[in-house]
Amino acid sequence: MRHPTRPWPKIVATLVAGLAMSGIFGSARLTFGGGGYPLASWIAFDRHALLAAAVLLAAVYPLATGRDWARRTLLIAVATVGVTMTVWYLIRIVSPVSFSDLTPEQAAVSRRSMRFEDLSTLCWIAAFTFFGVSFLSHPDVVTSFTRPHAPPK
């Protein structure tokens, strides 16, 4: 008896669409006027987050239809961003930090706190990168993307 195959392309496309939508909604910031009063309030958008979200939304259809080049592009993007951010946080962990307006005791506590935060972020980034690359390289996922799909009727 053969096990039913999972629709991995549609699952991956749904995850990418959710990530893109959270990028769109997360890029908006409510900006207030001077003194904390909403004299001149407006919504400002982070252009880099919007651009990344637009690229992810553009990749949803090729991923949902099972295009292998879209899976490979997403795999390369996940690996590249993950390795780049891992190296960045490794550099931040070992680089010196100086404080000019703190006492030596306060500076030591602040350095430890900053290093702990960077180490925590590094662990999250490494875990998500490992999971993303492992998931997109899994044989079942690769097979479901390379399998020829029936034309729509």
Protein backbone atom coordinates (compact mmCIF):
# COMPACT_ATOMS: atom_id res chain seq x y z
CA MET A 1 0.00 0.00 0.00
CA ARG A 2 1.38 3.33 -1.01
CA HIS A 3 1.24 6.32 1.32
CA PRO A 4 -0.57 9.38 0.03
CA THR A 5 1.75 12.17 -0.97
CA ARG A 6 1.52 15.49 0.78
CA PRO A 7 0.98 18.65 -1.24
CA TRP A 8 4.34 20.14 -0.19
CA PRO A 9 4.32 22.90 -2.84
CA LYS A 10 1.05 24.30 -1.50
CA ILE A 11 2.25 23.99 2.12
CA VAL A 12 5.51 25.82 1.31
CA ALA A 13 3.60 28.49 -0.63
CA THR A 14 1.22 29.01 2.30
CA LEU A 15 4.16 29.45 4.71
CA VAL A 16 5.85 31.93 2.37
CA ALA A 17 2.58 33.86 1.88
CA GLY A 18 2.13 34.09 5.65
CA LEU A 19 5.69 35.33 6.05
CA ALA A 20 5.13 37.93 3.31
CA MET A 21 1.90 39.17 4.88
CA SER A 22 3.52 39.47 8.29
CA GLY A 23 6.32 41.43 6.61
CA ILE A 24 3.80 43.81 5.08
CA PHE A 25 1.88 44.36 8.32
CA GLY A 26 5.07 44.47 10.38
CA SER A 27 6.60 47.17 8.22
CA ALA A 28 3.99 49.77 9.16
CA ARG A 29 4.81 52.13 12.02
CA LEU A 30 2.52 54.75 13.46
CA THR A 31 4.47 57.99 13.76
CA PHE A 32 3.38 60.72 16.14
CA GLY A 33 4.14 64.42 16.13
CA GLY A 34 6.39 66.18 18.62
CA GLY A 35 6.15 65.63 22.35
CA GLY A 36 4.31 62.31 22.07
CA TYR A 37 1.05 63.99 21.09
CA PRO A 38 -0.59 62.82 17.89
CA LEU A 39 -0.49 66.26 16.32
CA ALA A 40 0.68 65.07 12.95
CA SER A 41 0.29 61.31 12.92
CA TRP A 42 0.76 59.11 9.89
CA ILE A 43 1.77 55.59 9.00
CA ALA A 44 5.36 55.17 7.84
CA PHE A 45 6.46 52.00 6.05
CA ASP A 46 9.85 50.34 6.12
CA ARG A 47 10.74 50.14 2.43
CA HIS A 48 13.19 47.26 2.83
CA ALA A 49 10.61 45.09 4.60
CA LEU A 50 8.01 45.94 1.96
CA LEU A 51 10.42 45.04 -0.83
CA ALA A 52 11.24 41.69 0.78
CA ALA A 53 7.54 41.00 1.33
CA ALA A 54 6.76 41.85 -2.31
CA VAL A 55 9.45 39.44 -3.53
CA LEU A 56 8.05 36.72 -1.26
CA LEU A 57 4.51 37.37 -2.53
CA ALA A 58 5.75 37.15 -6.13
CA ALA A 59 7.29 33.75 -5.32
CA VAL A 60 4.06 32.30 -3.90
CA TYR A 61 2.47 31.30 -7.24
CA PRO A 62 5.56 29.52 -8.63
CA LEU A 63 5.94 27.71 -5.31
CA ALA A 64 2.27 26.72 -5.19
CA THR A 65 2.40 25.32 -8.72
CA GLY A 66 5.42 23.18 -7.84
CA ARG A 67 8.17 24.89 -9.83
CA ASP A 68 11.51 23.43 -8.81
CA TRP A 69 13.42 26.61 -9.68
CA ALA A 70 11.28 28.50 -7.13
CA ARG A 71 12.14 25.95 -4.43
CA ARG A 72 15.83 26.18 -5.29
CA THR A 73 15.72 29.98 -5.27
CA LEU A 74 14.00 29.97 -1.87
CA LEU A 75 16.57 27.45 -0.59
CA ILE A 76 19.46 29.64 -1.76
CA ALA A 77 17.83 32.75 -0.26
CA VAL A 78 17.24 31.06 3.12
CA ALA A 79 20.82 29.76 3.22
CA THR A 80 22.36 33.07 2.13
CA VAL A 81 20.37 35.22 4.55
CA GLY A 82 20.89 32.75 7.38
CA VAL A 83 24.65 32.45 6.92
CA THR A 84 25.04 36.23 6.48
CA MET A 85 23.10 36.99 9.65
CA THR A 86 24.96 34.27 11.56
CA VAL A 87 28.31 35.77 10.59
CA TRP A 88 27.03 39.27 11.47
CA TYR A 89 25.98 38.20 14.97
CA LEU A 90 29.21 36.24 15.49
CA ILE A 91 31.13 39.44 14.72
CA ARG A 92 28.88 41.40 17.11
CA ILE A 93 29.50 38.89 19.89
CA VAL A 94 33.30 39.10 19.71
CA SER A 95 33.66 42.79 18.86
CA PRO A 96 34.50 45.25 21.65
CA VAL A 97 31.84 47.61 22.95
CA SER A 98 32.65 50.87 24.68
CA PHE A 99 30.49 53.15 26.79
CA SER A 100 31.64 56.65 27.58
CA ASP A 101 28.94 57.75 29.99
CA LEU A 102 28.72 54.67 32.24
CA THR A 103 30.69 53.62 35.27
CA PRO A 104 32.92 50.53 34.80
CA GLU A 105 30.45 48.35 36.71
CA GLN A 106 27.51 49.51 34.61
CA ALA A 107 29.52 49.07 31.40
CA ALA A 108 30.39 45.48 32.34
CA VAL A 109 26.73 44.63 33.01
CA SER A 110 25.66 46.33 29.76
CA ARG A 111 28.30 44.43 27.75
CA ARG A 112 27.20 41.12 29.24
CA SER A 113 23.55 41.91 28.53
CA MET A 114 24.30 42.89 24.92
CA ARG A 115 26.39 39.76 24.34
CA PHE A 116 23.68 37.54 25.82
CA GLU A 117 21.08 39.15 23.56
CA ASP A 118 23.31 38.69 20.49
CA LEU A 119 24.03 35.08 21.44
CA SER A 120 20.32 34.38 21.86
CA THR A 121 19.55 35.94 18.47
CA LEU A 122 22.40 33.95 16.90
CA CYS A 123 20.93 30.70 18.21
CA TRP A 124 17.48 31.52 16.82
CA ILE A 125 18.87 32.47 13.42
CA ALA A 126 21.03 29.34 13.21
CA ALA A 127 18.07 27.14 14.21
CA PHE A 128 15.69 28.70 11.66
CA THR A 129 18.34 28.52 8.93
CA PHE A 130 19.06 24.85 9.69
CA PHE A 131 15.34 24.03 9.74
CA GLY A 132 14.63 25.92 6.51
CA VAL A 133 17.51 24.36 4.59
CA SER A 134 16.74 20.87 5.96
CA PHE A 135 13.05 21.19 5.12
CA LEU A 136 13.58 22.51 1.58
CA SER A 137 16.25 19.83 0.93
CA HIS A 138 14.20 16.93 2.28
CA PRO A 139 13.75 14.16 -0.32
CA ASP A 140 9.94 14.20 -0.07
CA VAL A 141 9.81 17.95 -0.66
CA VAL A 142 12.30 17.75 -3.54
CA THR A 143 10.31 14.91 -5.13
CA SER A 144 7.01 16.76 -4.85
CA PHE A 145 8.53 19.79 -6.58
CA THR A 146 10.19 17.82 -9.40
CA ARG A 147 7.20 15.56 -10.10
CA PRO A 148 5.43 16.55 -13.32
CA HIS A 149 2.07 18.06 -12.59
CA ALA A 150 -1.04 17.34 -14.57
CA PRO A 151 -2.26 20.29 -16.64
CA PRO A 152 -5.41 21.94 -15.28
CA LYS A 153 -8.66 20.73 -16.82
